[in-house]
Amino acid sequence: MDQRVKPAPHEIRRARADNPKTRERDLAAQLGISEAELVAAHCGDGVVRVEPRVNDLLT
């Protein structure tokens, strides 16, 4: 079983700042995280969490 520790959100943001030309999926792979985790690290900093409210979409 893989026991790698995932980077903290501030470490992910720093990696993004240090590698501005790296594609998101490539950076996520380098960090050993998913692209969703990369985006989640930026919540509140230009990224807004979308609430799944299907009823609002269908009415």
N, C-alpha and C. Protein backbone atom coordinates (compact mmCIF):
# COMPACT_ATOMS: atom_id res chain seq x y z
N MET A 1 0.84 -1.18 0.00
CA MET A 1 0.00 0.00 0.00
C MET A 1 0.89 1.25 0.00
N ASP A 2 0.49 2.25 -0.75
CA ASP A 2 1.26 3.49 -0.85
C ASP A 2 1.00 4.35 0.38
N GLN A 3 2.05 4.72 1.07
CA GLN A 3 1.93 5.50 2.30
C GLN A 3 2.39 6.95 2.09
N ARG A 4 2.37 7.43 0.84
CA ARG A 4 2.80 8.80 0.58
C ARG A 4 1.88 9.79 1.27
N VAL A 5 2.48 10.81 1.82
CA VAL A 5 1.71 11.88 2.45
C VAL A 5 1.42 12.93 1.39
N LYS A 6 0.16 13.30 1.27
CA LYS A 6 -0.22 14.30 0.28
C LYS A 6 0.21 15.68 0.77
N PRO A 7 0.60 16.55 -0.17
CA PRO A 7 1.02 17.89 0.21
C PRO A 7 -0.16 18.71 0.76
N ALA A 8 0.16 19.62 1.66
CA ALA A 8 -0.84 20.52 2.23
C ALA A 8 -1.25 21.55 1.17
N PRO A 9 -2.43 22.16 1.33
CA PRO A 9 -2.87 23.15 0.34
C PRO A 9 -1.85 24.26 0.07
N HIS A 10 -1.19 24.76 1.11
CA HIS A 10 -0.21 25.83 0.88
C HIS A 10 0.99 25.32 0.08
N GLU A 11 1.34 24.06 0.22
CA GLU A 11 2.43 23.48 -0.57
C GLU A 11 2.02 23.33 -2.03
N ILE A 12 0.76 22.98 -2.25
CA ILE A 12 0.25 22.85 -3.61
C ILE A 12 0.23 24.22 -4.29
N ARG A 13 -0.23 25.24 -3.57
CA ARG A 13 -0.26 26.60 -4.13
C ARG A 13 1.16 27.09 -4.45
N ARG A 14 2.11 26.77 -3.58
CA ARG A 14 3.50 27.17 -3.82
C ARG A 14 4.05 26.47 -5.07
N ALA A 15 3.74 25.18 -5.21
CA ALA A 15 4.19 24.44 -6.39
C ALA A 15 3.61 25.04 -7.66
N ARG A 16 2.33 25.47 -7.60
CA ARG A 16 1.69 26.12 -8.75
C ARG A 16 2.41 27.42 -9.07
N ALA A 17 2.73 28.21 -8.04
CA ALA A 17 3.41 29.49 -8.24
C ALA A 17 4.83 29.29 -8.77
N ASP A 18 5.49 28.25 -8.32
CA ASP A 18 6.87 27.96 -8.75
C ASP A 18 6.93 27.38 -10.16
N ASN A 19 5.83 26.85 -10.65
CA ASN A 19 5.78 26.20 -11.96
C ASN A 19 4.60 26.74 -12.78
N PRO A 20 4.60 28.03 -13.11
CA PRO A 20 3.43 28.63 -13.75
C PRO A 20 3.12 28.11 -15.15
N LYS A 21 4.11 27.55 -15.83
CA LYS A 21 3.88 27.07 -17.20
C LYS A 21 3.55 25.58 -17.27
N THR A 22 3.57 24.91 -16.13
CA THR A 22 3.27 23.47 -16.10
C THR A 22 1.76 23.27 -16.16
N ARG A 23 1.33 22.33 -17.00
CA ARG A 23 -0.10 22.02 -17.10
C ARG A 23 -0.59 21.44 -15.78
N GLU A 24 -1.87 21.71 -15.48
CA GLU A 24 -2.44 21.28 -14.21
C GLU A 24 -2.33 19.78 -14.01
N ARG A 25 -2.65 19.01 -15.03
CA ARG A 25 -2.60 17.56 -14.86
C ARG A 25 -1.17 17.06 -14.66
N ASP A 26 -0.20 17.72 -15.29
CA ASP A 26 1.20 17.33 -15.11
C ASP A 26 1.68 17.68 -13.71
N LEU A 27 1.31 18.87 -13.23
CA LEU A 27 1.70 19.27 -11.88
C LEU A 27 1.06 18.35 -10.84
N ALA A 28 -0.21 18.04 -11.03
CA ALA A 28 -0.89 17.13 -10.10
C ALA A 28 -0.19 15.78 -10.07
N ALA A 29 0.20 15.28 -11.23
CA ALA A 29 0.90 13.99 -11.29
C ALA A 29 2.25 14.07 -10.57
N GLN A 30 2.96 15.17 -10.75
CA GLN A 30 4.25 15.36 -10.07
C GLN A 30 4.08 15.38 -8.56
N LEU A 31 2.97 15.97 -8.10
CA LEU A 31 2.72 16.07 -6.66
C LEU A 31 2.07 14.81 -6.09
N GLY A 32 1.62 13.92 -6.96
CA GLY A 32 0.96 12.69 -6.51
C GLY A 32 -0.46 12.91 -6.03
N ILE A 33 -1.14 13.90 -6.64
CA ILE A 33 -2.52 14.21 -6.27
C ILE A 33 -3.37 14.24 -7.54
N SER A 34 -4.69 14.31 -7.36
CA SER A 34 -5.58 14.43 -8.51
C SER A 34 -5.70 15.90 -8.91
N GLU A 35 -6.19 16.13 -10.13
CA GLU A 35 -6.42 17.50 -10.57
C GLU A 35 -7.45 18.19 -9.68
N ALA A 36 -8.44 17.45 -9.21
CA ALA A 36 -9.46 18.01 -8.32
C ALA A 36 -8.83 18.49 -7.02
N GLU A 37 -7.87 17.74 -6.50
CA GLU A 37 -7.18 18.16 -5.27
C GLU A 37 -6.35 19.41 -5.53
N LEU A 38 -5.79 19.53 -6.72
CA LEU A 38 -5.03 20.72 -7.08
C LEU A 38 -5.95 21.93 -7.08
N VAL A 39 -7.13 21.81 -7.69
CA VAL A 39 -8.10 22.91 -7.73
C VAL A 39 -8.61 23.21 -6.32
N ALA A 40 -8.90 22.18 -5.54
CA ALA A 40 -9.44 22.37 -4.19
C ALA A 40 -8.46 23.15 -3.30
N ALA A 41 -7.18 23.04 -3.57
CA ALA A 41 -6.18 23.76 -2.78
C ALA A 41 -6.31 25.27 -2.98
N HIS A 42 -7.00 25.68 -4.04
CA HIS A 42 -7.17 27.11 -4.33
C HIS A 42 -8.55 27.63 -3.97
N CYS A 43 -9.39 26.86 -3.29
CA CYS A 43 -10.72 27.32 -2.89
C CYS A 43 -10.59 28.59 -2.06
N GLY A 44 -11.38 29.59 -2.42
CA GLY A 44 -11.33 30.86 -1.71
C GLY A 44 -10.30 31.81 -2.31
N ASP A 45 -9.48 31.32 -3.22
CA ASP A 45 -8.44 32.13 -3.85
C ASP A 45 -8.66 32.11 -5.36
N GLY A 46 -9.81 32.64 -5.79
CA GLY A 46 -10.14 32.63 -7.20
C GLY A 46 -10.90 31.39 -7.65
N VAL A 47 -11.16 30.48 -6.72
CA VAL A 47 -11.91 29.26 -7.02
C VAL A 47 -13.08 29.18 -6.06
N VAL A 48 -14.27 28.90 -6.60
CA VAL A 48 -15.47 28.79 -5.78
C VAL A 48 -16.00 27.37 -5.85
N ARG A 49 -16.27 26.79 -4.70
CA ARG A 49 -16.83 25.44 -4.66
C ARG A 49 -18.25 25.49 -5.18
N VAL A 50 -18.59 24.59 -6.09
CA VAL A 50 -19.92 24.50 -6.67
C VAL A 50 -20.75 23.54 -5.83
N GLU A 51 -21.92 24.01 -5.40
CA GLU A 51 -22.82 23.16 -4.62
C GLU A 51 -23.70 22.36 -5.57
N PRO A 52 -23.82 21.06 -5.36
CA PRO A 52 -24.64 20.23 -6.25
C PRO A 52 -26.13 20.35 -5.94
N ARG A 53 -26.79 21.31 -6.56
CA ARG A 53 -28.22 21.52 -6.36
C ARG A 53 -28.95 21.26 -7.67
N VAL A 54 -29.19 20.00 -7.94
CA VAL A 54 -29.80 19.58 -9.20
C VAL A 54 -31.20 20.16 -9.36
N ASN A 55 -31.97 20.21 -8.29
CA ASN A 55 -33.35 20.74 -8.38
C ASN A 55 -33.37 22.18 -8.89
N ASP A 56 -32.40 22.98 -8.49
CA ASP A 56 -32.33 24.36 -8.97
C ASP A 56 -32.09 24.41 -10.47
N LEU A 57 -31.36 23.46 -10.99
CA LEU A 57 -31.08 23.42 -12.42
C LEU A 57 -32.29 22.96 -13.23
N LEU A 58 -33.09 22.09 -12.63
CA LEU A 58 -34.20 21.49 -13.35
C LEU A 58 -35.50 22.27 -13.24
N THR A 59 -35.56 23.29 -12.40
CA THR A 59 -36.80 24.05 -12.24
C THR A 59 -36.70 25.41 -12.89
